[in-house]
Amino acid sequence: MIRNTSPLSLFVFSLDGQRYALPLSQVGSVTQAAAVTRVGQLPPALLGLLNVHGSLLPVLDSRYLVDSPSRPVGVDDLFLLLHVADKGWVMPADAVHQVLALPSEALCYDSPLLSHSGCWLGWFEQDGHAVLILDLEQTLRRYALLTTDGLHHG
């Protein structure tokens, strides 16, 4: 398999002390958490909807997506406003760490870290922490969220 040799631009955040990263191209902005509206029967990977500038966007249960125990969104949480697969999404995070350009040689693809549920682009080490890079588009497909009608209203 041929790997890309250019640096990968990543957005690093954390949930429950574990660091994760997303491709920077998927992150639009970060805002303080707000009340999420529960609607009907939602897939377990969704917490509800959030009105963002007049558009109702689905709020992902980030902990569910990475196989961690779910909890309600707290007042100290942050929302990552994301753009994945031509749709807007919201994902809670505990903290935002940084944006970085990761050299391709620092990216690891095979590890027991990547064997638990979730879809991963790889991982890297930063300040003694393993940072897992989430393949959010593949994860959304895995939970059939890209084919669910009625989640995007705007």
N, C-alpha and C. Protein backbone atom coordinates (compact mmCIF):
# COMPACT_ATOMS: atom_id res chain seq x y z
N MET A 1 0.84 -1.17 0.00
CA MET A 1 0.00 0.00 0.00
C MET A 1 0.89 1.24 0.00
N ILE A 2 0.55 2.19 -0.85
CA ILE A 2 1.32 3.44 -0.94
C ILE A 2 0.70 4.45 0.03
N ARG A 3 1.52 5.03 0.86
CA ARG A 3 1.05 6.01 1.84
C ARG A 3 1.40 7.41 1.35
N ASN A 4 0.58 8.37 1.69
CA ASN A 4 0.84 9.76 1.37
C ASN A 4 2.04 10.23 2.18
N THR A 5 2.95 10.96 1.56
CA THR A 5 4.15 11.40 2.27
C THR A 5 4.07 12.86 2.71
N SER A 6 3.00 13.57 2.37
CA SER A 6 2.88 14.95 2.81
C SER A 6 2.35 15.00 4.25
N PRO A 7 2.68 16.07 4.99
CA PRO A 7 2.19 16.17 6.38
C PRO A 7 0.66 16.18 6.42
N LEU A 8 0.14 15.63 7.49
CA LEU A 8 -1.30 15.57 7.72
C LEU A 8 -1.68 16.67 8.71
N SER A 9 -2.56 17.58 8.30
CA SER A 9 -3.02 18.65 9.18
C SER A 9 -4.13 18.11 10.07
N LEU A 10 -3.90 18.17 11.39
CA LEU A 10 -4.81 17.55 12.35
C LEU A 10 -5.28 18.54 13.42
N PHE A 11 -6.47 18.29 13.92
CA PHE A 11 -7.07 19.03 15.02
C PHE A 11 -7.14 18.06 16.19
N VAL A 12 -6.45 18.36 17.29
CA VAL A 12 -6.35 17.45 18.44
C VAL A 12 -7.29 17.92 19.56
N PHE A 13 -8.08 16.98 20.08
CA PHE A 13 -9.02 17.25 21.17
C PHE A 13 -9.01 16.05 22.10
N SER A 14 -9.71 16.16 23.23
CA SER A 14 -9.75 15.03 24.16
C SER A 14 -11.16 14.76 24.66
N LEU A 15 -11.33 13.49 25.05
CA LEU A 15 -12.54 13.00 25.71
C LEU A 15 -12.08 12.13 26.86
N ASP A 16 -12.49 12.46 28.05
CA ASP A 16 -12.16 11.64 29.23
C ASP A 16 -10.67 11.33 29.34
N GLY A 17 -9.85 12.30 29.02
CA GLY A 17 -8.40 12.16 29.17
C GLY A 17 -7.70 11.51 27.99
N GLN A 18 -8.43 10.90 27.07
CA GLN A 18 -7.82 10.30 25.87
C GLN A 18 -7.81 11.35 24.76
N ARG A 19 -6.67 11.47 24.08
CA ARG A 19 -6.58 12.42 22.97
C ARG A 19 -6.96 11.75 21.66
N TYR A 20 -7.66 12.54 20.85
CA TYR A 20 -8.08 12.12 19.52
C TYR A 20 -7.75 13.24 18.55
N ALA A 21 -7.76 12.92 17.27
CA ALA A 21 -7.54 13.93 16.25
C ALA A 21 -8.49 13.69 15.09
N LEU A 22 -8.79 14.77 14.42
CA LEU A 22 -9.56 14.74 13.18
C LEU A 22 -8.76 15.49 12.12
N PRO A 23 -8.93 15.14 10.86
CA PRO A 23 -8.33 15.97 9.82
C PRO A 23 -8.84 17.41 9.96
N LEU A 24 -7.94 18.36 9.92
CA LEU A 24 -8.30 19.76 10.10
C LEU A 24 -9.35 20.21 9.09
N SER A 25 -9.34 19.64 7.91
CA SER A 25 -10.30 20.03 6.87
C SER A 25 -11.75 19.75 7.28
N GLN A 26 -11.96 18.90 8.27
CA GLN A 26 -13.32 18.57 8.72
C GLN A 26 -13.82 19.48 9.83
N VAL A 27 -12.93 20.28 10.43
CA VAL A 27 -13.31 21.10 11.58
C VAL A 27 -13.53 22.54 11.13
N GLY A 28 -14.76 23.02 11.35
CA GLY A 28 -15.08 24.39 10.98
C GLY A 28 -14.79 25.37 12.09
N SER A 29 -15.26 25.05 13.30
CA SER A 29 -15.05 25.93 14.45
C SER A 29 -15.33 25.17 15.74
N VAL A 30 -15.07 25.85 16.84
CA VAL A 30 -15.31 25.32 18.18
C VAL A 30 -16.15 26.34 18.92
N THR A 31 -17.14 25.86 19.66
CA THR A 31 -17.99 26.75 20.44
C THR A 31 -18.31 26.09 21.78
N GLN A 32 -18.78 26.90 22.71
CA GLN A 32 -19.20 26.37 24.01
C GLN A 32 -20.44 25.50 23.81
N ALA A 33 -20.55 24.44 24.57
CA ALA A 33 -21.70 23.54 24.47
C ALA A 33 -22.99 24.29 24.80
N ALA A 34 -24.07 23.83 24.19
CA ALA A 34 -25.40 24.41 24.40
C ALA A 34 -26.39 23.26 24.55
N ALA A 35 -27.63 23.62 24.85
CA ALA A 35 -28.67 22.60 25.02
C ALA A 35 -28.93 21.87 23.71
N VAL A 36 -28.97 20.55 23.79
CA VAL A 36 -29.23 19.70 22.64
C VAL A 36 -30.69 19.26 22.71
N THR A 37 -31.39 19.34 21.58
CA THR A 37 -32.79 18.95 21.52
C THR A 37 -32.91 17.48 21.13
N ARG A 38 -33.52 16.69 22.03
CA ARG A 38 -33.78 15.27 21.72
C ARG A 38 -35.03 15.21 20.85
N VAL A 39 -34.97 14.39 19.84
CA VAL A 39 -36.12 14.23 18.95
C VAL A 39 -36.35 12.75 18.67
N GLY A 40 -37.58 12.30 18.84
CA GLY A 40 -37.98 10.95 18.48
C GLY A 40 -36.98 9.86 18.81
N GLN A 41 -37.01 8.84 18.01
CA GLN A 41 -36.11 7.70 18.16
C GLN A 41 -34.85 7.98 17.36
N LEU A 42 -33.77 8.20 18.04
CA LEU A 42 -32.50 8.47 17.38
C LEU A 42 -31.58 7.27 17.48
N PRO A 43 -30.72 7.09 16.50
CA PRO A 43 -29.69 6.06 16.64
C PRO A 43 -28.84 6.35 17.87
N PRO A 44 -28.27 5.34 18.52
CA PRO A 44 -27.50 5.57 19.74
C PRO A 44 -26.27 6.46 19.54
N ALA A 45 -25.82 6.62 18.31
CA ALA A 45 -24.65 7.46 18.05
C ALA A 45 -25.01 8.94 17.98
N LEU A 46 -26.30 9.27 18.13
CA LEU A 46 -26.73 10.67 18.09
C LEU A 46 -27.34 11.09 19.42
N LEU A 47 -26.99 12.30 19.86
CA LEU A 47 -27.55 12.85 21.09
C LEU A 47 -28.81 13.67 20.83
N GLY A 48 -28.94 14.21 19.63
CA GLY A 48 -30.07 15.06 19.29
C GLY A 48 -29.68 16.06 18.22
N LEU A 49 -30.38 17.20 18.21
CA LEU A 49 -30.14 18.24 17.22
C LEU A 49 -29.77 19.54 17.90
N LEU A 50 -29.02 20.37 17.19
CA LEU A 50 -28.62 21.68 17.68
C LEU A 50 -28.86 22.70 16.58
N ASN A 51 -29.48 23.82 16.94
CA ASN A 51 -29.69 24.90 15.99
C ASN A 51 -28.39 25.70 15.90
N VAL A 52 -27.78 25.66 14.72
CA VAL A 52 -26.54 26.41 14.48
C VAL A 52 -26.81 27.38 13.34
N HIS A 53 -26.95 28.65 13.67
CA HIS A 53 -27.20 29.71 12.69
C HIS A 53 -28.38 29.38 11.78
N GLY A 54 -29.47 28.87 12.38
CA GLY A 54 -30.69 28.59 11.64
C GLY A 54 -30.76 27.20 11.01
N SER A 55 -29.71 26.41 11.11
CA SER A 55 -29.72 25.05 10.59
C SER A 55 -29.71 24.06 11.74
N LEU A 56 -30.56 23.04 11.66
CA LEU A 56 -30.56 21.98 12.67
C LEU A 56 -29.53 20.94 12.28
N LEU A 57 -28.49 20.81 13.12
CA LEU A 57 -27.42 19.86 12.85
C LEU A 57 -27.46 18.72 13.86
N PRO A 58 -27.18 17.50 13.41
CA PRO A 58 -27.14 16.36 14.33
C PRO A 58 -25.93 16.47 15.25
N VAL A 59 -26.15 16.16 16.53
CA VAL A 59 -25.08 16.15 17.52
C VAL A 59 -24.69 14.70 17.75
N LEU A 60 -23.45 14.40 17.41
CA LEU A 60 -22.93 13.05 17.57
C LEU A 60 -22.60 12.77 19.02
N ASP A 61 -22.78 11.55 19.45
CA ASP A 61 -22.31 11.13 20.76
C ASP A 61 -20.86 10.68 20.57
N SER A 62 -19.94 11.60 20.76
CA SER A 62 -18.52 11.33 20.49
C SER A 62 -18.01 10.15 21.31
N ARG A 63 -18.49 10.01 22.53
CA ARG A 63 -18.04 8.90 23.37
C ARG A 63 -18.52 7.56 22.81
N TYR A 64 -19.73 7.52 22.35
CA TYR A 64 -20.26 6.29 21.73
C TYR A 64 -19.41 5.92 20.52
N LEU A 65 -19.05 6.91 19.72
CA LEU A 65 -18.28 6.66 18.49
C LEU A 65 -16.91 6.07 18.77
N VAL A 66 -16.33 6.39 19.94
CA VAL A 66 -14.99 5.87 20.27
C VAL A 66 -15.05 4.78 21.33
N ASP A 67 -16.25 4.25 21.57
CA ASP A 67 -16.45 3.13 22.48
C ASP A 67 -16.10 3.47 23.92
N SER A 68 -16.50 4.66 24.36
CA SER A 68 -16.35 5.08 25.76
C SER A 68 -17.74 5.23 26.36
N PRO A 69 -17.86 5.16 27.67
CA PRO A 69 -19.18 5.34 28.29
C PRO A 69 -19.77 6.71 27.97
N SER A 70 -21.02 6.71 27.55
CA SER A 70 -21.70 7.97 27.23
C SER A 70 -22.04 8.73 28.49
N ARG A 71 -22.18 10.04 28.35
CA ARG A 71 -22.65 10.89 29.43
C ARG A 71 -23.32 12.10 28.80
N PRO A 72 -24.19 12.77 29.53
CA PRO A 72 -24.83 13.97 28.98
C PRO A 72 -23.80 15.07 28.72
N VAL A 73 -24.13 15.94 27.78
CA VAL A 73 -23.28 17.09 27.50
C VAL A 73 -23.28 17.99 28.73
N GLY A 74 -22.09 18.41 29.16
CA GLY A 74 -21.96 19.27 30.34
C GLY A 74 -21.73 20.72 29.98
N VAL A 75 -21.90 21.60 30.96
CA VAL A 75 -21.74 23.03 30.73
C VAL A 75 -20.30 23.40 30.40
N ASP A 76 -19.34 22.58 30.80
CA ASP A 76 -17.94 22.86 30.50
C ASP A 76 -17.47 22.24 29.20
N ASP A 77 -18.33 21.48 28.54
CA ASP A 77 -17.96 20.83 27.29
C ASP A 77 -17.86 21.85 26.16
N LEU A 78 -17.21 21.44 25.11
CA LEU A 78 -17.11 22.23 23.89
C LEU A 78 -17.80 21.48 22.77
N PHE A 79 -18.26 22.20 21.77
CA PHE A 79 -18.81 21.59 20.57
C PHE A 79 -17.87 21.86 19.40
N LEU A 80 -17.50 20.79 18.70
CA LEU A 80 -16.76 20.92 17.47
C LEU A 80 -17.79 20.96 16.35
N LEU A 81 -17.78 22.03 15.55
CA LEU A 81 -18.68 22.13 14.41
C LEU A 81 -17.92 21.59 13.20
N LEU A 82 -18.44 20.51 12.65
CA LEU A 82 -17.72 19.73 11.65
C LEU A 82 -18.44 19.73 10.31
N HIS A 83 -17.66 19.48 9.27
CA HIS A 83 -18.21 19.31 7.93
C HIS A 83 -17.63 18.01 7.37
N VAL A 84 -18.48 16.99 7.28
CA VAL A 84 -18.04 15.66 6.84
C VAL A 84 -19.07 15.13 5.85
N ALA A 85 -18.59 14.61 4.73
CA ALA A 85 -19.46 14.02 3.71
C ALA A 85 -20.52 15.01 3.25
N ASP A 86 -20.11 16.26 3.05
CA ASP A 86 -20.98 17.33 2.55
C ASP A 86 -22.13 17.67 3.49
N LYS A 87 -21.98 17.38 4.78
CA LYS A 87 -23.02 17.70 5.76
C LYS A 87 -22.39 18.32 7.00
N GLY A 88 -23.18 19.10 7.71
CA GLY A 88 -22.73 19.66 8.97
C GLY A 88 -23.05 18.73 10.12
N TRP A 89 -22.15 18.66 11.09
CA TRP A 89 -22.30 17.81 12.26
C TRP A 89 -21.77 18.57 13.47
N VAL A 90 -22.19 18.16 14.65
CA VAL A 90 -21.69 18.72 15.91
C VAL A 90 -21.19 17.55 16.74
N MET A 91 -20.03 17.74 17.38
CA MET A 91 -19.49 16.67 18.22
C MET A 91 -18.93 17.26 19.51
N PRO A 92 -19.38 16.78 20.67
CA PRO A 92 -18.84 17.28 21.94
C PRO A 92 -17.39 16.84 22.15
N ALA A 93 -16.66 17.68 22.87
CA ALA A 93 -15.29 17.38 23.29
C ALA A 93 -15.08 17.98 24.67
N ASP A 94 -14.17 17.38 25.44
CA ASP A 94 -13.85 17.92 26.77
C ASP A 94 -12.89 19.10 26.67
N ALA A 95 -11.93 18.99 25.76
CA ALA A 95 -10.90 20.03 25.62
C ALA A 95 -10.36 20.00 24.21
N VAL A 96 -9.84 21.13 23.79
CA VAL A 96 -9.16 21.26 22.51
C VAL A 96 -7.69 21.50 22.82
N HIS A 97 -6.82 20.78 22.14
CA HIS A 97 -5.39 20.89 22.44
C HIS A 97 -4.62 21.72 21.42
N GLN A 98 -4.72 21.39 20.15
CA GLN A 98 -3.95 22.14 19.18
C GLN A 98 -4.28 21.69 17.76
N VAL A 99 -3.78 22.48 16.83
CA VAL A 99 -3.76 22.12 15.41
C VAL A 99 -2.31 21.86 15.08
N LEU A 100 -2.04 20.79 14.35
CA LEU A 100 -0.64 20.49 14.02
C LEU A 100 -0.52 19.87 12.64
N ALA A 101 0.66 19.98 12.08
CA ALA A 101 1.01 19.31 10.83
C ALA A 101 1.87 18.12 11.21
N LEU A 102 1.31 16.93 11.10
CA LEU A 102 2.01 15.72 11.50
C LEU A 102 2.80 15.18 10.31
N PRO A 103 4.13 15.04 10.48
CA PRO A 103 4.91 14.43 9.40
C PRO A 103 4.43 13.01 9.14
N SER A 104 4.39 12.62 7.89
CA SER A 104 3.85 11.30 7.54
C SER A 104 4.60 10.17 8.24
N GLU A 105 5.91 10.35 8.49
CA GLU A 105 6.67 9.28 9.13
C GLU A 105 6.32 9.11 10.61
N ALA A 106 5.61 10.06 11.20
CA ALA A 106 5.20 9.95 12.61
C ALA A 106 3.88 9.20 12.77
N LEU A 107 3.21 8.94 11.67
CA LEU A 107 1.90 8.29 11.70
C LEU A 107 2.07 6.77 11.74
N CYS A 108 1.38 6.13 12.68
CA CYS A 108 1.41 4.67 12.82
C CYS A 108 0.05 4.13 12.37
N TYR A 109 0.08 2.98 11.69
CA TYR A 109 -1.16 2.42 11.16
C TYR A 109 -1.60 1.15 11.84
N ASP A 110 -0.68 0.42 12.42
CA ASP A 110 -1.01 -0.87 13.03
C ASP A 110 -0.68 -0.84 14.51
N SER A 111 -1.66 -1.18 15.31
CA SER A 111 -1.45 -1.20 16.75
C SER A 111 -2.68 -1.79 17.42
N PRO A 112 -2.49 -2.42 18.58
CA PRO A 112 -3.66 -2.84 19.36
C PRO A 112 -4.54 -1.65 19.75
N LEU A 113 -3.98 -0.43 19.77
CA LEU A 113 -4.77 0.76 20.07
C LEU A 113 -5.92 0.92 19.08
N LEU A 114 -5.72 0.46 17.86
CA LEU A 114 -6.72 0.65 16.81
C LEU A 114 -7.66 -0.53 16.67
N SER A 115 -7.51 -1.54 17.51
CA SER A 115 -8.30 -2.76 17.34
C SER A 115 -9.69 -2.67 17.95
N HIS A 116 -9.92 -1.75 18.91
CA HIS A 116 -11.26 -1.66 19.47
C HIS A 116 -12.18 -0.95 18.48
N SER A 117 -13.46 -0.91 18.79
CA SER A 117 -14.42 -0.37 17.84
C SER A 117 -14.07 1.06 17.47
N GLY A 118 -14.48 1.44 16.31
CA GLY A 118 -14.16 2.75 15.76
C GLY A 118 -13.42 2.57 14.46
N CYS A 119 -13.43 3.59 13.68
CA CYS A 119 -12.74 3.57 12.40
C CYS A 119 -11.63 4.61 12.49
N TRP A 120 -10.41 4.17 12.26
CA TRP A 120 -9.24 5.00 12.53
C TRP A 120 -8.39 5.19 11.29
N LEU A 121 -7.82 6.38 11.15
CA LEU A 121 -6.86 6.65 10.09
C LEU A 121 -5.46 6.25 10.52
N GLY A 122 -5.26 6.11 11.83
CA GLY A 122 -3.96 5.76 12.39
C GLY A 122 -3.82 6.41 13.76
N TRP A 123 -2.59 6.48 14.24
CA TRP A 123 -2.34 7.10 15.53
C TRP A 123 -0.91 7.63 15.54
N PHE A 124 -0.62 8.48 16.53
CA PHE A 124 0.73 8.99 16.71
C PHE A 124 0.92 9.29 18.19
N GLU A 125 2.17 9.47 18.58
CA GLU A 125 2.48 9.78 19.98
C GLU A 125 2.80 11.27 20.09
N GLN A 126 2.24 11.88 21.14
CA GLN A 126 2.47 13.30 21.39
C GLN A 126 2.58 13.51 22.90
N ASP A 127 3.71 14.01 23.34
CA ASP A 127 3.94 14.29 24.76
C ASP A 127 3.63 13.08 25.64
N GLY A 128 4.00 11.90 25.18
CA GLY A 128 3.77 10.69 25.95
C GLY A 128 2.36 10.14 25.87
N HIS A 129 1.51 10.75 25.05
CA HIS A 129 0.13 10.30 24.89
C HIS A 129 -0.07 9.72 23.50
N ALA A 130 -0.81 8.64 23.42
CA ALA A 130 -1.23 8.12 22.12
C ALA A 130 -2.42 8.96 21.66
N VAL A 131 -2.35 9.46 20.45
CA VAL A 131 -3.44 10.25 19.86
C VAL A 131 -4.01 9.42 18.71
N LEU A 132 -5.29 9.06 18.83
CA LEU A 132 -5.96 8.26 17.81
C LEU A 132 -6.62 9.18 16.81
N ILE A 133 -6.39 8.94 15.53
CA ILE A 133 -6.96 9.78 14.47
C ILE A 133 -8.23 9.12 13.96
N LEU A 134 -9.34 9.77 14.22
CA LEU A 134 -10.66 9.23 13.89
C LEU A 134 -10.98 9.46 12.41
N ASP A 135 -11.38 8.38 11.74
CA ASP A 135 -11.90 8.48 10.38
C ASP A 135 -13.40 8.69 10.52
N LEU A 136 -13.79 9.95 10.66
CA LEU A 136 -15.17 10.25 11.00
C LEU A 136 -16.14 9.87 9.87
N GLU A 137 -15.75 10.07 8.64
CA GLU A 137 -16.65 9.70 7.55
C GLU A 137 -16.92 8.19 7.55
N GLN A 138 -15.89 7.40 7.73
CA GLN A 138 -16.07 5.94 7.79
C GLN A 138 -16.89 5.54 9.03
N THR A 139 -16.67 6.24 10.14
CA THR A 139 -17.43 5.96 11.36
C THR A 139 -18.91 6.27 11.15
N LEU A 140 -19.21 7.40 10.50
CA LEU A 140 -20.61 7.75 10.22
C LEU A 140 -21.26 6.71 9.31
N ARG A 141 -20.49 6.21 8.35
CA ARG A 141 -21.02 5.16 7.48
C ARG A 141 -21.27 3.87 8.27
N ARG A 142 -20.34 3.57 9.17
CA ARG A 142 -20.47 2.34 9.97
C ARG A 142 -21.77 2.33 10.77
N TYR A 143 -22.14 3.49 11.31
CA TYR A 143 -23.36 3.59 12.10
C TYR A 143 -24.56 4.01 11.25
N ALA A 144 -24.40 3.96 9.93
CA ALA A 144 -25.47 4.27 8.97
C ALA A 144 -26.04 5.67 9.17
N LEU A 145 -25.22 6.60 9.61
CA LEU A 145 -25.71 7.96 9.84
C LEU A 145 -25.72 8.80 8.57
N LEU A 146 -24.95 8.40 7.59
CA LEU A 146 -24.95 9.16 6.33
C LEU A 146 -26.14 8.81 5.47
N THR A 147 -26.84 7.74 5.80
CA THR A 147 -28.01 7.34 5.02
C THR A 147 -29.31 7.61 5.76
N THR A 148 -29.22 8.15 6.99
CA THR A 148 -30.43 8.41 7.76
C THR A 148 -31.09 9.70 7.27
N ASP A 149 -32.33 9.60 6.83
CA ASP A 149 -33.06 10.77 6.35
C ASP A 149 -33.58 11.60 7.52
N GLY A 150 -33.74 12.89 7.26
CA GLY A 150 -34.40 13.76 8.23
C GLY A 150 -33.51 14.30 9.31
N LEU A 151 -32.20 14.07 9.25
CA LEU A 151 -31.34 14.59 10.31
C LEU A 151 -30.83 15.99 10.00
N HIS A 152 -30.79 16.35 8.74
CA HIS A 152 -30.28 17.66 8.36
C HIS A 152 -31.40 18.52 7.86
N HIS A 153 -31.55 19.68 8.47
CA HIS A 153 -32.62 20.61 8.13
C HIS A 153 -32.02 21.98 7.89
N GLY A 154 -31.25 22.13 6.87
CA GLY A 154 -30.71 23.46 6.62
C GLY A 154 -29.46 23.41 5.82
